[in-house]
PDB file of all heavy atoms in Angstrom:
ATOM      1  N   GLU A   1     162.443 134.225 186.687  1.00  0.00           N
ATOM      2  CA  GLU A   1     162.658 133.376 187.853  1.00  0.00           C
ATOM      3  C   GLU A   1     162.140 131.947 187.623  1.00  0.00           C
ATOM      4  O   GLU A   1     162.765 130.952 187.992  1.00  0.00           O
ATOM      5  CB  GLU A   1     161.993 134.026 189.070  1.00  0.00           C
ATOM      6  CG  GLU A   1     162.178 133.234 190.341  1.00  0.00           C
ATOM      7  CD  GLU A   1     161.402 133.856 191.530  1.00  0.00           C
ATOM      8  OE1 GLU A   1     161.056 135.039 191.453  1.00  0.00           O
ATOM      9  OE2 GLU A   1     161.169 133.135 192.461  1.00  0.00           O
ATOM     10  N   GLY A   2     160.911 131.844 187.109  1.00  0.00           N
ATOM     11  CA  GLY A   2     160.325 130.515 186.919  1.00  0.00           C
ATOM     12  C   GLY A   2     161.100 129.663 185.951  1.00  0.00           C
ATOM     13  O   GLY A   2     161.336 128.497 186.131  1.00  0.00           O
ATOM     14  N   THR A   3     161.556 130.264 184.843  1.00  0.00           N
ATOM     15  CA  THR A   3     162.322 129.581 183.843  1.00  0.00           C
ATOM     16  C   THR A   3     163.679 129.144 184.396  1.00  0.00           C
ATOM     17  O   THR A   3     164.108 127.990 184.158  1.00  0.00           O
ATOM     18  CB  THR A   3     162.496 130.451 182.567  1.00  0.00           C
ATOM     19  OG1 THR A   3     161.219 130.829 182.121  1.00  0.00           O
ATOM     20  CG2 THR A   3     163.198 129.668 181.479  1.00  0.00           C
ATOM     21  N   VAL A   4     164.326 130.029 185.102  1.00  0.00           N
ATOM     22  CA  VAL A   4     165.646 129.713 185.659  1.00  0.00           C
ATOM     23  C   VAL A   4     165.513 128.579 186.709  1.00  0.00           C
ATOM     24  O   VAL A   4     166.350 127.640 186.715  1.00  0.00           O
ATOM     25  CB  VAL A   4     166.310 130.961 186.274  1.00  0.00           C
ATOM     26  CG1 VAL A   4     167.541 130.610 187.137  1.00  0.00           C
ATOM     27  CG2 VAL A   4     166.721 131.907 185.175  1.00  0.00           C
ATOM     28  N   LYS A   5     164.530 128.654 187.531  1.00  0.00           N
ATOM     29  CA  LYS A   5     164.371 127.591 188.539  1.00  0.00           C
ATOM     30  C   LYS A   5     164.060 126.261 187.898  1.00  0.00           C
ATOM     31  O   LYS A   5     164.566 125.222 188.346  1.00  0.00           O
ATOM     32  CB  LYS A   5     163.147 127.957 189.504  1.00  0.00           C
ATOM     33  CG  LYS A   5     163.554 128.940 190.549  1.00  0.00           C
ATOM     34  CD  LYS A   5     162.391 129.167 191.500  1.00  0.00           C
ATOM     35  CE  LYS A   5     162.784 130.108 192.607  1.00  0.00           C
ATOM     36  NZ  LYS A   5     161.705 130.404 193.543  1.00  0.00           N
ATOM     37  N   ARG A   6     163.279 126.255 186.856  1.00  0.00           N
ATOM     38  CA  ARG A   6     162.936 125.024 186.124  1.00  0.00           C
ATOM     39  C   ARG A   6     164.213 124.431 185.546  1.00  0.00           C
ATOM     40  O   ARG A   6     164.493 123.226 185.704  1.00  0.00           O
ATOM     41  CB  ARG A   6     161.941 125.317 185.012  1.00  0.00           C
ATOM     42  CG  ARG A   6     161.506 124.129 184.242  1.00  0.00           C
ATOM     43  CD  ARG A   6     160.513 124.481 183.170  1.00  0.00           C
ATOM     44  NE  ARG A   6     159.233 124.810 183.723  1.00  0.00           N
ATOM     45  CZ  ARG A   6     158.180 125.175 182.992  1.00  0.00           C
ATOM     46  NH1 ARG A   6     158.284 125.311 181.697  1.00  0.00           N
ATOM     47  NH2 ARG A   6     157.033 125.458 183.569  1.00  0.00           N
ATOM     48  N   ARG A   7     164.994 125.259 184.927  1.00  0.00           N
ATOM     49  CA  ARG A   7     166.277 124.824 184.251  1.00  0.00           C
ATOM     50  C   ARG A   7     167.237 124.335 185.333  1.00  0.00           C
ATOM     51  O   ARG A   7     167.897 123.278 185.144  1.00  0.00           O
ATOM     52  CB  ARG A   7     166.872 125.960 183.473  1.00  0.00           C
ATOM     53  CG  ARG A   7     168.067 125.545 182.640  1.00  0.00           C
ATOM     54  CD  ARG A   7     168.646 126.703 181.929  1.00  0.00           C
ATOM     55  NE  ARG A   7     169.761 126.515 181.099  1.00  0.00           N
ATOM     56  CZ  ARG A   7     170.532 125.459 180.954  1.00  0.00           C
ATOM     57  NH1 ARG A   7     170.318 124.392 181.553  1.00  0.00           N
ATOM     58  NH2 ARG A   7     171.572 125.480 180.124  1.00  0.00           N
ATOM     59  N   GLU A   8     167.417 125.083 186.421  1.00  0.00           N
ATOM     60  CA  GLU A   8     168.353 124.685 187.494  1.00  0.00           C
ATOM     61  C   GLU A   8     167.947 123.342 188.088  1.00  0.00           C
ATOM     62  O   GLU A   8     168.807 122.554 188.479  1.00  0.00           O
ATOM     63  CB  GLU A   8     168.396 125.757 188.577  1.00  0.00           C
ATOM     64  CG  GLU A   8     169.142 126.990 188.154  1.00  0.00           C
ATOM     65  CD  GLU A   8     169.072 128.124 189.176  1.00  0.00           C
ATOM     66  OE1 GLU A   8     168.259 128.100 190.078  1.00  0.00           O
ATOM     67  OE2 GLU A   8     169.887 129.091 189.012  1.00  0.00           O
ATOM     68  N   PHE A   9     166.677 123.086 188.233  1.00  0.00           N
ATOM     69  CA  PHE A   9     166.220 121.862 188.811  1.00  0.00           C
ATOM     70  C   PHE A   9     166.570 120.672 187.911  1.00  0.00           C
ATOM     71  O   PHE A   9     167.097 119.691 188.380  1.00  0.00           O
ATOM     72  CB  PHE A   9     164.672 121.849 189.068  1.00  0.00           C
ATOM     73  CG  PHE A   9     164.187 120.703 189.791  1.00  0.00           C
ATOM     74  CD1 PHE A   9     164.427 120.474 191.110  1.00  0.00           C
ATOM     75  CD2 PHE A   9     163.427 119.714 189.109  1.00  0.00           C
ATOM     76  CE1 PHE A   9     163.959 119.387 191.809  1.00  0.00           C
ATOM     77  CE2 PHE A   9     162.979 118.603 189.791  1.00  0.00           C
ATOM     78  CZ  PHE A   9     163.224 118.438 191.122  1.00  0.00           C
ATOM     79  N   VAL A  10     166.313 120.788 186.637  1.00  0.00           N
ATOM     80  CA  VAL A  10     166.683 119.688 185.689  1.00  0.00           C
ATOM     81  C   VAL A  10     168.174 119.496 185.675  1.00  0.00           C
ATOM     82  O   VAL A  10     168.643 118.366 185.700  1.00  0.00           O
ATOM     83  CB  VAL A  10     166.106 120.000 184.280  1.00  0.00           C
ATOM     84  CG1 VAL A  10     166.627 118.992 183.261  1.00  0.00           C
ATOM     85  CG2 VAL A  10     164.590 120.036 184.298  1.00  0.00           C
ATOM     86  N   GLU A  11     168.914 120.582 185.680  1.00  0.00           N
ATOM     87  CA  GLU A  11     170.386 120.491 185.664  1.00  0.00           C
ATOM     88  C   GLU A  11     170.877 119.808 186.936  1.00  0.00           C
ATOM     89  O   GLU A  11     171.807 118.997 186.872  1.00  0.00           O
ATOM     90  CB  GLU A  11     170.998 121.865 185.486  1.00  0.00           C
ATOM     91  CG  GLU A  11     172.521 121.784 185.300  1.00  0.00           C
ATOM     92  CD  GLU A  11     173.132 123.141 184.906  1.00  0.00           C
ATOM     93  OE1 GLU A  11     172.379 124.078 184.655  1.00  0.00           O
ATOM     94  OE2 GLU A  11     174.387 123.189 184.874  1.00  0.00           O
ATOM     95  N   LYS A  12     170.281 120.126 188.042  1.00  0.00           N
ATOM     96  CA  LYS A  12     170.670 119.483 189.331  1.00  0.00           C
ATOM     97  C   LYS A  12     170.424 118.000 189.242  1.00  0.00           C
ATOM     98  O   LYS A  12     171.298 117.175 189.687  1.00  0.00           O
ATOM     99  CB  LYS A  12     169.859 120.092 190.480  1.00  0.00           C
ATOM    100  CG  LYS A  12     170.129 119.433 191.830  1.00  0.00           C
ATOM    101  CD  LYS A  12     169.144 119.877 192.860  1.00  0.00           C
ATOM    102  CE  LYS A  12     167.951 118.963 192.835  1.00  0.00           C
ATOM    103  NZ  LYS A  12     166.998 119.067 193.922  1.00  0.00           N
ATOM    104  N   LEU A  13     169.286 117.598 188.676  1.00  0.00           N
ATOM    105  CA  LEU A  13     169.033 116.137 188.578  1.00  0.00           C
ATOM    106  C   LEU A  13     170.043 115.429 187.677  1.00  0.00           C
ATOM    107  O   LEU A  13     170.524 114.388 187.991  1.00  0.00           O
ATOM    108  CB  LEU A  13     167.611 115.919 188.049  1.00  0.00           C
ATOM    109  CG  LEU A  13     166.439 116.398 188.994  1.00  0.00           C
ATOM    110  CD1 LEU A  13     165.118 116.191 188.267  1.00  0.00           C
ATOM    111  CD2 LEU A  13     166.482 115.641 190.280  1.00  0.00           C
ATOM    112  N   PHE A  14     170.357 116.107 186.556  1.00  0.00           N
ATOM    113  CA  PHE A  14     171.393 115.485 185.701  1.00  0.00           C
ATOM    114  C   PHE A  14     172.758 115.453 186.352  1.00  0.00           C
ATOM    115  O   PHE A  14     173.476 114.498 186.225  1.00  0.00           O
ATOM    116  CB  PHE A  14     171.469 116.270 184.355  1.00  0.00           C
ATOM    117  CG  PHE A  14     170.498 115.803 183.288  1.00  0.00           C
ATOM    118  CD1 PHE A  14     169.614 116.697 182.739  1.00  0.00           C
ATOM    119  CD2 PHE A  14     170.520 114.480 182.858  1.00  0.00           C
ATOM    120  CE1 PHE A  14     168.735 116.292 181.767  1.00  0.00           C
ATOM    121  CE2 PHE A  14     169.629 114.068 181.891  1.00  0.00           C
ATOM    122  CZ  PHE A  14     168.708 114.958 181.321  1.00  0.00           C
ATOM    123  N   ARG A  15     173.127 116.527 187.094  1.00  0.00           N
ATOM    124  CA  ARG A  15     174.403 116.572 187.785  1.00  0.00           C
ATOM    125  C   ARG A  15     174.493 115.400 188.788  1.00  0.00           C
ATOM    126  O   ARG A  15     175.477 114.709 188.905  1.00  0.00           O
ATOM    127  CB  ARG A  15     174.617 117.881 188.476  1.00  0.00           C
ATOM    128  CG  ARG A  15     176.019 118.108 189.039  1.00  0.00           C
ATOM    129  CD  ARG A  15     176.238 119.475 189.657  1.00  0.00           C
ATOM    130  NE  ARG A  15     175.728 120.595 188.867  1.00  0.00           N
ATOM    131  CZ  ARG A  15     174.630 121.278 189.143  1.00  0.00           C
ATOM    132  NH1 ARG A  15     173.926 120.970 190.197  1.00  0.00           N
ATOM    133  NH2 ARG A  15     174.255 122.253 188.367  1.00  0.00           N
ATOM    134  N   CYS A  16     173.400 115.229 189.556  1.00  0.00           N
ATOM    135  CA  CYS A  16     173.362 114.145 190.556  1.00  0.00           C
ATOM    136  C   CYS A  16     173.420 112.750 189.841  1.00  0.00           C
ATOM    137  O   CYS A  16     174.079 111.843 190.375  1.00  0.00           O
ATOM    138  CB  CYS A  16     172.105 114.253 191.435  1.00  0.00           C
ATOM    139  SG  CYS A  16     172.093 115.652 192.534  1.00  0.00           S
ATOM    140  N   ALA A  17     172.774 112.610 188.697  1.00  0.00           N
ATOM    141  CA  ALA A  17     172.825 111.351 187.969  1.00  0.00           C
ATOM    142  C   ALA A  17     174.239 111.063 187.513  1.00  0.00           C
ATOM    143  O   ALA A  17     174.753 109.950 187.585  1.00  0.00           O
ATOM    144  CB  ALA A  17     171.896 111.388 186.773  1.00  0.00           C
ATOM    145  N   ILE A  18     174.950 112.115 187.100  1.00  0.00           N
ATOM    146  CA  ILE A  18     176.331 111.959 186.633  1.00  0.00           C
ATOM    147  C   ILE A  18     177.232 111.580 187.843  1.00  0.00           C
ATOM    148  O   ILE A  18     178.001 110.655 187.789  1.00  0.00           O
ATOM    149  CB  ILE A  18     176.849 113.261 185.970  1.00  0.00           C
ATOM    150  CG1 ILE A  18     176.125 113.385 184.563  1.00  0.00           C
ATOM    151  CG2 ILE A  18     178.375 113.244 185.791  1.00  0.00           C
ATOM    152  CD1 ILE A  18     176.325 114.793 183.964  1.00  0.00           C
ATOM    153  N   ASP A  19     177.066 112.357 188.930  1.00  0.00           N
ATOM    154  CA  ASP A  19     177.849 112.093 190.152  1.00  0.00           C
ATOM    155  C   ASP A  19     177.601 110.717 190.720  1.00  0.00           C
ATOM    156  O   ASP A  19     178.457 110.099 191.306  1.00  0.00           O
ATOM    157  CB  ASP A  19     177.551 113.187 191.180  1.00  0.00           C
ATOM    158  CG  ASP A  19     178.031 114.528 190.824  1.00  0.00           C
ATOM    159  OD1 ASP A  19     178.821 114.679 189.833  1.00  0.00           O
ATOM    160  OD2 ASP A  19     177.631 115.533 191.473  1.00  0.00           O
ATOM    161  N   ASN A  20     176.378 110.190 190.538  1.00  0.00           N
ATOM    162  CA  ASN A  20     175.978 108.893 191.060  1.00  0.00           C
ATOM    163  C   ASN A  20     176.422 107.754 190.158  1.00  0.00           C
ATOM    164  O   ASN A  20     176.155 106.589 190.446  1.00  0.00           O
ATOM    165  CB  ASN A  20     174.451 108.874 191.202  1.00  0.00           C
ATOM    166  CG  ASN A  20     174.004 108.737 192.643  1.00  0.00           C
ATOM    167  OD1 ASN A  20     174.799 109.001 193.563  1.00  0.00           O
ATOM    168  ND2 ASN A  20     172.761 108.410 192.833  1.00  0.00           N
ATOM    169  N   GLY A  21     176.980 108.098 189.011  1.00  0.00           N
ATOM    170  CA  GLY A  21     177.432 107.045 188.069  1.00  0.00           C
ATOM    171  C   GLY A  21     176.324 106.462 187.256  1.00  0.00           C
ATOM    172  O   GLY A  21     176.405 105.328 186.734  1.00  0.00           O
ATOM    173  N   GLU A  22     175.175 107.174 187.162  1.00  0.00           N
ATOM    174  CA  GLU A  22     174.044 106.635 186.407  1.00  0.00           C
ATOM    175  C   GLU A  22     174.181 106.856 184.902  1.00  0.00           C
ATOM    176  O   GLU A  22     173.427 106.333 184.125  1.00  0.00           O
ATOM    177  CB  GLU A  22     172.735 107.278 186.894  1.00  0.00           C
ATOM    178  CG  GLU A  22     172.378 107.006 188.323  1.00  0.00           C
ATOM    179  CD  GLU A  22     171.183 107.758 188.838  1.00  0.00           C
ATOM    180  OE1 GLU A  22     170.286 108.106 188.033  1.00  0.00           O
ATOM    181  OE2 GLU A  22     171.111 108.035 190.023  1.00  0.00           O
ATOM    182  N   THR A  23     175.171 107.709 184.514  1.00  0.00           N
ATOM    183  CA  THR A  23     175.342 107.988 183.079  1.00  0.00           C
ATOM    184  C   THR A  23     176.759 107.634 182.655  1.00  0.00           C
ATOM    185  O   THR A  23     177.678 107.526 183.445  1.00  0.00           O
ATOM    186  CB  THR A  23     175.122 109.510 182.827  1.00  0.00           C
ATOM    187  OG1 THR A  23     176.106 110.268 183.529  1.00  0.00           O
ATOM    188  CG2 THR A  23     173.742 109.939 183.279  1.00  0.00           C
ATOM    189  N   LYS A  24     176.912 107.474 181.334  1.00  0.00           N
ATOM    190  CA  LYS A  24     178.197 107.164 180.737  1.00  0.00           C
ATOM    191  C   LYS A  24     178.448 108.080 179.547  1.00  0.00           C
ATOM    192  O   LYS A  24     178.557 107.650 178.418  1.00  0.00           O
ATOM    193  CB  LYS A  24     178.235 105.710 180.311  1.00  0.00           C
ATOM    194  CG  LYS A  24     177.127 105.378 179.266  1.00  0.00           C
ATOM    195  CD  LYS A  24     177.346 104.042 178.603  1.00  0.00           C
ATOM    196  CE  LYS A  24     176.258 103.955 177.521  1.00  0.00           C
ATOM    197  NZ  LYS A  24     176.299 102.909 176.616  1.00  0.00           N
ATOM    198  N   THR A  25     178.422 109.326 179.782  1.00  0.00           N
ATOM    199  CA  THR A  25     178.486 110.280 178.678  1.00  0.00           C
ATOM    200  C   THR A  25     179.537 111.377 178.954  1.00  0.00           C
ATOM    201  O   THR A  25     179.861 111.618 180.074  1.00  0.00           O
ATOM    202  CB  THR A  25     177.114 110.970 178.460  1.00  0.00           C
ATOM    203  OG1 THR A  25     177.192 111.860 177.405  1.00  0.00           O
ATOM    204  CG2 THR A  25     176.609 111.663 179.638  1.00  0.00           C
ATOM    205  N   GLU A  26     180.012 111.919 177.870  1.00  0.00           N
ATOM    206  CA  GLU A  26     180.922 113.048 177.964  1.00  0.00           C
ATOM    207  C   GLU A  26     180.196 114.354 178.162  1.00  0.00           C
ATOM    208  O   GLU A  26     180.755 115.399 178.446  1.00  0.00           O
ATOM    209  CB  GLU A  26     181.778 113.130 176.732  1.00  0.00           C
ATOM    210  CG  GLU A  26     182.718 111.914 176.497  1.00  0.00           C
ATOM    211  CD  GLU A  26     183.749 111.774 177.580  1.00  0.00           C
ATOM    212  OE1 GLU A  26     184.395 112.819 177.972  1.00  0.00           O
ATOM    213  OE2 GLU A  26     183.961 110.641 178.070  1.00  0.00           O
ATOM    214  N   LEU A  27     178.863 114.323 177.932  1.00  0.00           N
ATOM    215  CA  LEU A  27     178.058 115.529 178.086  1.00  0.00           C
ATOM    216  C   LEU A  27     177.945 115.934 179.529  1.00  0.00           C
ATOM    217  O   LEU A  27     177.886 115.100 180.439  1.00  0.00           O
ATOM    218  CB  LEU A  27     176.664 115.287 177.492  1.00  0.00           C
ATOM    219  CG  LEU A  27     176.561 114.979 176.001  1.00  0.00           C
ATOM    220  CD1 LEU A  27     175.171 114.592 175.605  1.00  0.00           C
ATOM    221  CD2 LEU A  27     177.040 116.161 175.199  1.00  0.00           C
ATOM    222  N   THR A  28     177.959 117.204 179.779  1.00  0.00           N
ATOM    223  CA  THR A  28     177.813 117.754 181.132  1.00  0.00           C
ATOM    224  C   THR A  28     176.324 117.833 181.502  1.00  0.00           C
ATOM    225  O   THR A  28     175.450 117.706 180.631  1.00  0.00           O
ATOM    226  CB  THR A  28     178.414 119.191 181.217  1.00  0.00           C
ATOM    227  OG1 THR A  28     177.613 120.037 180.434  1.00  0.00           O
ATOM    228  CG2 THR A  28     179.875 119.197 180.796  1.00  0.00           C
ATOM    229  N   ALA A  29     176.084 118.081 182.726  1.00  0.00           N
ATOM    230  CA  ALA A  29     174.723 118.317 183.177  1.00  0.00           C
ATOM    231  C   ALA A  29     174.073 119.440 182.455  1.00  0.00           C
ATOM    232  O   ALA A  29     172.895 119.395 182.085  1.00  0.00           O
ATOM    233  CB  ALA A  29     174.663 118.531 184.699  1.00  0.00           C
ATOM    234  N   ASN A  30     174.857 120.525 182.215  1.00  0.00           N
ATOM    235  CA  ASN A  30     174.359 121.682 181.455  1.00  0.00           C
ATOM    236  C   ASN A  30     173.977 121.241 180.001  1.00  0.00           C
ATOM    237  O   ASN A  30     172.950 121.624 179.475  1.00  0.00           O
ATOM    238  CB  ASN A  30     175.393 122.758 181.423  1.00  0.00           C
ATOM    239  CG  ASN A  30     174.949 123.988 180.668  1.00  0.00           C
ATOM    240  OD1 ASN A  30     173.896 124.588 180.988  1.00  0.00           O
ATOM    241  ND2 ASN A  30     175.640 124.338 179.626  1.00  0.00           N
ATOM    242  N   ASP A  31     174.874 120.454 179.354  1.00  0.00           N
ATOM    243  CA  ASP A  31     174.582 120.000 177.993  1.00  0.00           C
ATOM    244  C   ASP A  31     173.297 119.163 177.953  1.00  0.00           C
ATOM    245  O   ASP A  31     172.478 119.368 177.062  1.00  0.00           O
ATOM    246  CB  ASP A  31     175.764 119.076 177.518  1.00  0.00           C
ATOM    247  CG  ASP A  31     177.083 119.795 177.361  1.00  0.00           C
ATOM    248  OD1 ASP A  31     177.040 121.058 177.153  1.00  0.00           O
ATOM    249  OD2 ASP A  31     178.095 119.125 177.416  1.00  0.00           O
TER     250      ASP A  31
END
């Protein structure tokens, strides 16, 4: 549970950064 929550949180931040146009990469939030 702790590891999954940690990973999901980081992925959420990357997803929001991508959605907000803060990144210019082909990599996904998961990547």
